[in-house]
């Protein structure tokens, strides 16, 4: 008898899993970039981006309750468009985007690590990917436990930035009014430009649905975990951004290559080594979660007959899709060793936005004919429509940027 995935993940574990894949190392650089684009309106840009991302997150939340199986976006597209080819394409695009992201994260970690310990980059990459692959294959409870511990460390780092910057709230009386946008073209333009960047800081919730077959009471737990993840992420991002702007003018933050380290050093008078280490942990965590996600999508597609059957094999002891995990790890290793990921990394953002657009459209179509099961989360039909419009609008903007 073929072994199955274990339903071991609880709501707190899923929220930590979601935070781990959403709050990544990118936020440690994004603060400076966003300050340079939107100035004191950067917190408002984060809020608007959260609302736009929230439309798609709510679509994923409802769909995860309707169809609590692995393969996530690919399964939802199958249900919405009844097309095996489109479903398989979406699934493979999600895997590609995740594994390219993991490869870029591996290279990012090696960049930090080589400054601490002198070792051949190729050796470091191989060892790191082996460790990540082994953790992903070990067992979902074990790998998510490790990811959760790292997530607590990286979220703790951001909360530490906020805490050490609290004395700067004294500047709120003077600077606070600058956070409130005026209803004019300049304010709208600054917020809009920032939203285009800030939106990507919220991408990650879509990975949560790919472990649906390993979640307890999945129809309730998973939708709630997605919405809690987005809410907590929004509060942390806005809190960090406000503290940053109360500590330094936007133009000074924008000039810094490591704005979070700058904030920590300024507000504590101590070296930022701790923040650097936390950033490194965040990188490893992001790569681990992407490998888990990629393996589950391959598993889900295989079990539905859309990919070769061996990808559906579950190890009887670890209860993980071992062949899918091995394949995902091998792809990450090859891409990381190639190293030329800049153009691919840019393409992944466009791929994910296209996936978001099609998933939103799928739910919009599904809701026309199939009411949500009793007791499941059900959002108004205009929510996936707005999610489709916002995601496809960002796709057009990104594609336009590629050719200008």
Protein backbone atom coordinates (compact mmCIF):
# COMPACT_ATOMS: atom_id res chain seq x y z
CA UNK A 1 0.00 0.00 0.00
CA UNK A 2 1.38 3.42 -1.01
CA UNK A 3 2.25 5.67 1.94
CA UNK A 4 0.46 9.02 2.30
CA UNK A 5 1.41 12.46 3.54
CA UNK A 6 0.82 13.01 7.27
CA UNK A 7 -1.62 15.65 8.55
CA UNK A 8 0.57 17.03 11.32
CA UNK A 9 0.60 20.83 10.86
CA UNK A 10 -1.40 22.98 13.29
CA UNK A 11 -2.55 26.62 12.95
CA UNK A 12 0.47 28.10 14.81
CA UNK A 13 2.84 26.00 12.68
CA UNK A 14 1.14 27.13 9.48
CA UNK A 15 1.27 30.79 10.51
CA UNK A 16 4.99 30.45 11.23
CA UNK A 17 5.44 28.62 7.91
CA UNK A 18 3.61 31.47 6.17
CA UNK A 19 5.62 34.16 7.92
CA UNK A 20 8.81 32.30 7.01
CA UNK A 21 8.01 32.35 3.31
CA UNK A 22 6.60 35.90 3.28
CA UNK A 23 8.95 37.78 5.60
CA UNK A 24 12.23 36.96 3.89
CA UNK A 25 15.62 38.54 3.64
CA UNK A 26 14.25 41.02 1.10
CA UNK A 27 12.72 43.26 3.77
CA UNK A 28 16.22 43.97 5.09
CA UNK A 29 16.98 45.85 1.83
CA UNK A 30 13.46 46.90 0.87
CA UNK A 31 13.18 49.52 3.62
CA UNK A 32 15.85 51.70 2.00
CA UNK A 33 14.57 51.22 -1.56
CA UNK A 34 10.99 52.06 -0.60
CA UNK A 35 12.06 55.11 1.38
CA UNK A 36 13.91 56.34 -1.71
CA UNK A 37 10.83 55.93 -3.90
CA UNK A 38 7.93 57.00 -1.66
CA UNK A 39 9.65 59.05 1.05
CA UNK A 40 7.50 59.57 4.13
CA UNK A 41 4.56 57.97 2.32
CA UNK A 42 6.30 54.56 2.35
CA UNK A 43 4.08 53.24 5.22
CA UNK A 44 1.02 54.20 3.15
CA UNK A 45 2.52 52.35 0.16
CA UNK A 46 2.93 49.24 2.33
CA UNK A 47 -0.70 49.52 3.46
CA UNK A 48 -2.06 49.85 -0.09
CA UNK A 49 0.17 46.98 -1.26
CA UNK A 50 -1.16 44.85 1.61
CA UNK A 51 -4.76 45.57 0.55
CA UNK A 52 -4.01 44.62 -3.07
CA UNK A 53 -2.13 41.47 -2.03
CA UNK A 54 -4.97 40.76 0.39
CA UNK A 55 -7.43 40.37 -2.50
CA UNK A 56 -5.35 37.52 -3.93
CA UNK A 57 -4.64 36.11 -0.45
CA UNK A 58 -8.38 35.90 0.23
CA UNK A 59 -8.86 34.09 -3.09
CA UNK A 60 -6.17 31.56 -2.12
CA UNK A 61 -7.73 31.26 1.35
CA UNK A 62 -11.17 30.36 -0.04
CA UNK A 63 -9.73 28.00 -2.66
CA UNK A 64 -7.59 26.21 -0.06
CA UNK A 65 -10.77 25.45 1.90
CA UNK A 66 -12.68 24.32 -1.19
CA UNK A 67 -9.86 22.10 -2.53
CA UNK A 68 -7.60 21.05 0.38
CA UNK A 69 -5.07 19.11 -1.70
CA UNK A 70 -1.44 19.48 -2.76
CA UNK A 71 -0.58 21.27 -6.05
CA UNK A 72 -2.27 24.50 -4.97
CA UNK A 73 -2.54 26.95 -7.86
CA UNK A 74 -2.40 24.18 -10.47
CA UNK A 75 -5.38 22.44 -8.87
CA UNK A 76 -7.37 25.69 -8.61
CA UNK A 77 -6.79 26.48 -12.28
CA UNK A 78 -7.94 22.96 -13.21
CA UNK A 79 -11.15 23.53 -11.26
CA UNK A 80 -11.71 26.96 -12.79
CA UNK A 81 -10.86 26.25 -16.43
CA UNK A 82 -11.14 22.43 -16.66
CA UNK A 83 -7.87 22.24 -18.60
CA UNK A 84 -5.15 19.72 -17.76
CA UNK A 85 -2.63 21.51 -19.97
CA UNK A 86 -3.18 24.91 -18.36
CA UNK A 87 -3.17 23.31 -14.91
CA UNK A 88 0.14 21.54 -15.57
CA UNK A 89 1.68 24.70 -17.04
CA UNK A 90 0.69 26.77 -14.01
CA UNK A 91 2.04 24.11 -11.66
CA UNK A 92 5.39 23.92 -13.44
CA UNK A 93 5.65 27.73 -13.55
CA UNK A 94 5.08 27.88 -9.79
CA UNK A 95 7.78 25.25 -9.26
CA UNK A 96 10.19 27.09 -11.57
CA UNK A 97 9.59 30.42 -9.84
CA UNK A 98 10.10 28.89 -6.39
CA UNK A 99 13.26 26.98 -7.26
CA UNK A 100 14.84 29.94 -9.08
CA UNK A 101 14.10 31.99 -5.97
CA UNK A 102 15.69 29.30 -3.79
CA UNK A 103 18.78 29.26 -6.03
CA UNK A 104 19.13 33.03 -5.78
CA UNK A 105 18.81 32.76 -1.98
CA UNK A 106 21.52 30.08 -1.86
CA UNK A 107 23.88 32.36 -3.78
CA UNK A 108 22.94 35.24 -1.48
CA UNK A 109 23.78 33.19 1.60
CA UNK A 110 27.11 32.08 0.14
CA UNK A 111 27.97 35.75 -0.43
CA UNK A 112 27.54 36.43 3.30
CA UNK A 113 29.11 33.16 4.42
CA UNK A 114 32.28 33.60 2.34
CA UNK A 115 33.01 36.80 4.26
CA UNK A 116 33.04 34.86 7.53
CA UNK A 117 34.72 31.61 6.48
CA UNK A 118 37.06 31.16 3.50
CA UNK A 119 35.78 28.19 1.53
CA UNK A 120 35.29 27.49 -2.16
CA UNK A 121 31.85 28.85 -3.25
CA UNK A 122 31.12 25.64 -5.19
CA UNK A 123 31.73 23.51 -2.09
CA UNK A 124 29.59 25.84 0.02
CA UNK A 125 26.70 25.69 -2.49
CA UNK A 126 26.77 21.89 -2.66
CA UNK A 127 26.87 21.50 1.13
CA UNK A 128 24.10 24.06 1.70
CA UNK A 129 21.75 22.52 -0.88
CA UNK A 130 22.42 19.04 0.56
CA UNK A 131 21.48 20.31 4.03
CA UNK A 132 18.33 22.03 2.73
CA UNK A 133 17.32 18.95 0.73
CA UNK A 134 17.90 16.66 3.72
CA UNK A 135 15.77 18.89 5.96
CA UNK A 136 12.97 18.96 3.38
CA UNK A 137 13.06 15.14 3.04
CA UNK A 138 13.37 14.51 6.79
CA UNK A 139 9.66 14.93 7.49
CA UNK A 140 7.14 17.77 7.19
CA UNK A 141 6.78 18.18 10.96
CA UNK A 142 10.56 18.22 11.42
CA UNK A 143 11.33 20.55 8.49
CA UNK A 144 8.51 22.95 9.42
CA UNK A 145 9.75 22.89 13.04
CA UNK A 146 13.21 23.99 11.85
CA UNK A 147 11.64 26.60 9.55
CA UNK A 148 9.47 27.85 12.44
CA UNK A 149 12.47 28.29 14.74
CA UNK A 150 14.28 30.29 12.04
CA UNK A 151 11.11 32.29 11.39
CA UNK A 152 10.90 33.22 15.07
CA UNK A 153 14.52 34.40 14.86
CA UNK A 154 13.96 36.56 11.78
CA UNK A 155 10.64 38.00 13.04
CA UNK A 156 12.40 38.60 16.36
CA UNK A 157 15.05 40.57 14.49
CA UNK A 158 12.42 42.86 12.98
CA UNK A 159 10.67 43.27 16.34
CA UNK A 160 14.07 44.10 17.85
CA UNK A 161 14.50 46.84 15.23
CA UNK A 162 11.09 48.25 16.21
CA UNK A 163 11.80 47.99 19.96
CA UNK A 164 15.21 49.64 19.83
CA UNK A 165 13.71 52.44 17.73
CA UNK A 166 10.82 53.24 20.09
CA UNK A 167 12.60 56.28 21.62
CA UNK A 168 12.30 57.88 18.17
CA UNK A 169 8.54 58.08 18.68
CA UNK A 170 9.36 61.43 20.27
CA UNK A 171 9.73 62.66 16.68
CA UNK A 172 6.17 61.61 15.81
CA UNK A 173 4.66 65.00 16.62
CA UNK A 174 6.94 66.68 14.10
CA UNK A 175 7.22 63.99 11.42
CA UNK A 176 3.88 62.16 11.87
CA UNK A 177 1.83 64.50 9.64
CA UNK A 178 4.20 63.68 6.74
CA UNK A 179 2.97 60.06 6.87
CA UNK A 180 -0.56 61.14 5.92
CA UNK A 181 -0.98 61.58 2.14
CA UNK A 182 -2.64 64.62 0.64
CA UNK A 183 -5.30 64.06 -1.99
CA UNK A 184 -3.19 65.34 -4.84
CA UNK A 185 -1.33 63.91 -7.84
CA UNK A 186 2.10 64.04 -6.15
CA UNK A 187 1.01 61.96 -3.14
CA UNK A 188 -0.87 59.45 -5.27
CA UNK A 189 2.13 59.12 -7.61
CA UNK A 190 4.56 58.52 -4.72
CA UNK A 191 2.31 55.88 -3.17
CA UNK A 192 1.64 54.17 -6.51
CA UNK A 193 5.36 53.92 -7.29
CA UNK A 194 6.02 52.44 -3.86
CA UNK A 195 3.14 49.97 -4.12
CA UNK A 196 4.71 48.40 -7.22
CA UNK A 197 7.78 47.55 -5.12
CA UNK A 198 6.08 46.84 -1.79
CA UNK A 199 3.65 44.34 -3.33
CA UNK A 200 6.47 41.83 -3.77
CA UNK A 201 7.22 41.94 -0.03
CA UNK A 202 3.87 40.21 0.54
CA UNK A 203 4.37 37.38 -1.95
CA UNK A 204 4.74 34.05 -0.17
CA UNK A 205 1.29 33.25 1.15
CA UNK A 206 0.64 31.27 -2.05
CA UNK A 207 3.24 28.69 -0.96
CA UNK A 208 1.15 27.80 2.09
CA UNK A 209 -1.54 26.04 0.03
CA UNK A 210 0.95 23.53 -1.36
CA UNK A 211 1.18 21.67 1.97
CA UNK A 212 -2.62 21.40 2.26
CA UNK A 213 -2.54 17.60 2.55
CA UNK A 214 -0.33 17.88 5.65
CA UNK A 215 -2.52 20.32 7.62
CA UNK A 216 -4.89 19.36 10.43
CA UNK A 217 -8.54 20.44 9.97
CA UNK A 218 -7.36 21.95 6.71
CA UNK A 219 -10.60 23.64 5.54
CA UNK A 220 -10.58 25.84 8.64
CA UNK A 221 -6.89 26.00 9.55
CA UNK A 222 -5.35 26.91 6.19
CA UNK A 223 -7.62 29.87 5.22
CA UNK A 224 -7.24 31.32 8.72
CA UNK A 225 -3.45 30.85 8.61
CA UNK A 226 -3.22 32.70 5.27
CA UNK A 227 -5.21 35.68 6.56
CA UNK A 228 -3.31 35.80 9.88
CA UNK A 229 0.01 35.66 8.01
CA UNK A 230 -0.92 38.63 5.84
CA UNK A 231 -2.18 40.65 8.83
CA UNK A 232 0.93 40.03 10.96
CA UNK A 233 3.24 40.73 8.01
CA UNK A 234 1.48 44.03 7.30
CA UNK A 235 1.74 45.20 10.92
CA UNK A 236 5.44 44.31 11.12
CA UNK A 237 6.32 45.95 7.79
CA UNK A 238 4.49 49.19 8.59
CA UNK A 239 5.97 49.24 12.11
CA UNK A 240 9.53 48.82 10.78
CA UNK A 241 8.96 51.45 8.09
CA UNK A 242 7.61 54.04 10.54
CA UNK A 243 10.49 53.49 12.99
CA UNK A 244 12.98 53.77 10.10
CA UNK A 245 11.53 57.09 8.93
CA UNK A 246 11.41 58.46 12.47
CA UNK A 247 15.09 57.57 12.86
CA UNK A 248 16.48 58.83 9.52
CA UNK A 249 15.28 61.00 6.64
CA UNK A 250 14.20 58.99 3.57
CA UNK A 251 17.15 60.11 1.45
CA UNK A 252 19.62 58.83 4.09
CA UNK A 253 17.89 55.45 4.29
CA UNK A 254 17.91 55.21 0.51
CA UNK A 255 21.69 55.69 0.38
CA UNK A 256 22.39 52.83 2.80
CA UNK A 257 23.24 49.38 1.41
CA UNK A 258 22.13 47.84 4.72
CA UNK A 259 19.39 50.08 6.17
CA UNK A 260 18.38 47.63 8.92
CA UNK A 261 21.96 47.39 10.14
CA UNK A 262 22.14 51.20 10.04
CA UNK A 263 19.00 51.44 12.17
CA UNK A 264 20.24 48.91 14.70
CA UNK A 265 23.63 50.57 15.06
CA UNK A 266 22.07 54.04 15.33
CA UNK A 267 19.45 53.08 17.92
CA UNK A 268 21.62 50.78 20.08
CA UNK A 269 25.18 51.97 19.57
CA UNK A 270 26.17 48.32 19.03
CA UNK A 271 27.61 46.45 16.05
CA UNK A 272 25.03 45.12 13.57
CA UNK A 273 26.61 41.62 13.46
CA UNK A 274 23.48 40.17 15.09
CA UNK A 275 21.23 41.61 12.37
CA UNK A 276 23.57 40.25 9.68
CA UNK A 277 23.32 36.74 11.14
CA UNK A 278 19.53 37.00 11.34
CA UNK A 279 19.48 38.01 7.67
CA UNK A 280 21.52 34.90 6.85
CA UNK A 281 19.04 32.71 8.73
CA UNK A 282 16.20 34.33 6.80
CA UNK A 283 17.91 33.40 3.52
CA UNK A 284 18.25 29.72 4.52
CA UNK A 285 14.65 29.64 5.68
CA UNK A 286 13.37 31.05 2.40
CA UNK A 287 15.30 28.47 0.38
CA UNK A 288 14.08 25.58 2.57
CA UNK A 289 10.43 26.60 2.25
CA UNK A 290 10.73 26.98 -1.54
CA UNK A 291 12.15 23.45 -1.85
CA UNK A 292 9.27 22.09 0.30
CA UNK A 293 6.78 24.00 -1.86
CA UNK A 294 8.29 22.84 -5.16
CA UNK A 295 8.33 19.20 -4.08
CA UNK A 296 4.65 19.32 -3.02
CA UNK A 297 3.54 20.81 -6.34
CA UNK A 298 5.43 18.09 -8.25
CA UNK A 299 3.85 15.50 -5.94
CA UNK A 300 0.34 16.92 -6.42
CA UNK A 301 0.62 17.06 -10.22
CA UNK A 302 1.98 13.51 -10.32
CA UNK A 303 -0.76 12.07 -8.10
CA UNK A 304 -3.35 13.59 -10.48
CA UNK A 305 -1.67 11.92 -13.45
CA UNK A 306 -0.20 15.09 -14.95
CA UNK A 307 3.47 14.19 -14.28
CA UNK A 308 5.29 10.82 -14.19
CA UNK A 309 4.11 8.54 -11.36
CA UNK A 310 7.44 8.36 -9.44
CA UNK A 311 6.96 11.98 -8.29
CA UNK A 312 3.90 10.78 -6.33
CA UNK A 313 5.93 8.29 -4.26
CA UNK A 314 5.87 8.97 -0.51
CA UNK A 315 8.61 7.48 1.68
CA UNK A 316 7.03 5.06 4.22
CA UNK A 317 9.16 6.33 7.13
CA UNK A 318 9.43 10.09 6.56
CA UNK A 319 6.02 10.45 4.86
CA UNK A 320 7.53 12.99 2.47
CA UNK A 321 7.51 12.89 -1.37
CA UNK A 322 11.14 11.83 -1.54
CA UNK A 323 11.54 11.71 -5.35
CA UNK A 324 9.94 15.14 -5.75
CA UNK A 325 12.12 16.55 -2.98
CA UNK A 326 15.27 15.10 -4.54
CA UNK A 327 14.33 16.54 -7.94
CA UNK A 328 13.58 19.99 -6.50
CA UNK A 329 16.90 20.02 -4.60
CA UNK A 330 18.83 18.95 -7.70
CA UNK A 331 17.28 21.76 -9.77
CA UNK A 332 18.19 24.29 -7.06
CA UNK A 333 21.76 22.97 -7.00
CA UNK A 334 22.17 23.23 -10.79
CA UNK A 335 20.70 26.75 -10.94
CA UNK A 336 22.78 27.91 -7.96
CA UNK A 337 25.98 26.58 -9.57
CA UNK A 338 25.14 28.30 -12.87
CA UNK A 339 24.86 31.52 -10.92
CA UNK A 340 23.43 33.67 -13.73
CA UNK A 341 20.06 34.20 -12.11
CA UNK A 342 19.42 37.93 -12.38
CA UNK A 343 17.23 37.78 -15.49
CA UNK A 344 15.49 34.62 -14.28
CA UNK A 345 14.84 36.20 -10.90
CA UNK A 346 13.22 39.17 -12.61
CA UNK A 347 11.11 36.83 -14.69
CA UNK A 348 9.89 34.96 -11.58
CA UNK A 349 8.03 38.03 -10.34
CA UNK A 350 6.18 38.24 -13.67
CA UNK A 351 5.46 34.49 -13.56
CA UNK A 352 3.97 34.71 -10.06
CA UNK A 353 1.82 37.70 -10.97
CA UNK A 354 0.51 35.80 -13.99
CA UNK A 355 -0.27 32.85 -11.71
CA UNK A 356 -2.09 35.20 -9.31
CA UNK A 357 -4.12 36.63 -12.19
CA UNK A 358 -5.24 33.21 -13.45
CA UNK A 359 -5.98 31.86 -9.94
CA UNK A 360 -8.15 34.90 -9.17
CA UNK A 361 -9.97 34.45 -12.46
CA UNK A 362 -10.44 30.75 -11.65
CA UNK A 363 -12.18 31.54 -8.36
CA UNK A 364 -14.32 34.18 -10.07
CA UNK A 365 -15.48 31.53 -12.55
CA UNK A 366 -15.94 28.83 -9.88
CA UNK A 367 -18.09 31.08 -7.68
CA UNK A 368 -20.51 31.63 -10.56
CA UNK A 369 -21.54 27.96 -10.58
CA UNK A 370 -20.42 26.42 -7.27
CA UNK A 371 -21.34 27.91 -3.87
CA UNK A 372 -18.76 27.38 -1.14
CA UNK A 373 -19.37 24.36 1.11
CA UNK A 374 -21.23 25.16 4.34
CA UNK A 375 -18.90 26.46 7.03
CA UNK A 376 -16.05 27.28 4.62
CA UNK A 377 -14.67 30.76 4.06
CA UNK A 378 -16.47 32.49 1.17
CA UNK A 379 -15.44 35.93 -0.11
CA UNK A 380 -17.63 38.19 -2.29
CA UNK A 381 -17.23 37.55 -6.02
CA UNK A 382 -15.78 41.03 -6.55
CA UNK A 383 -12.75 40.10 -4.42
CA UNK A 384 -11.16 37.71 -6.98
CA UNK A 385 -12.12 40.17 -9.73
CA UNK A 386 -10.17 42.96 -8.01
CA UNK A 387 -7.35 40.49 -7.35
CA UNK A 388 -7.26 39.67 -11.07
CA UNK A 389 -7.24 43.34 -12.09
CA UNK A 390 -4.48 44.32 -9.63
CA UNK A 391 -2.27 41.32 -10.47
CA UNK A 392 -2.69 41.62 -14.24
CA UNK A 393 -2.06 45.38 -13.99
CA UNK A 394 1.24 44.70 -12.25
CA UNK A 395 2.10 42.13 -14.94
CA UNK A 396 1.63 44.79 -17.63
CA UNK A 397 3.78 47.24 -15.65
CA UNK A 398 6.58 44.68 -15.17
CA UNK A 399 6.53 43.60 -18.84
CA UNK A 400 6.61 47.24 -19.93
CA UNK A 401 9.68 47.79 -17.73
CA UNK A 402 11.44 44.86 -19.38
CA UNK A 403 11.17 46.50 -22.79
CA UNK A 404 11.96 50.11 -21.83
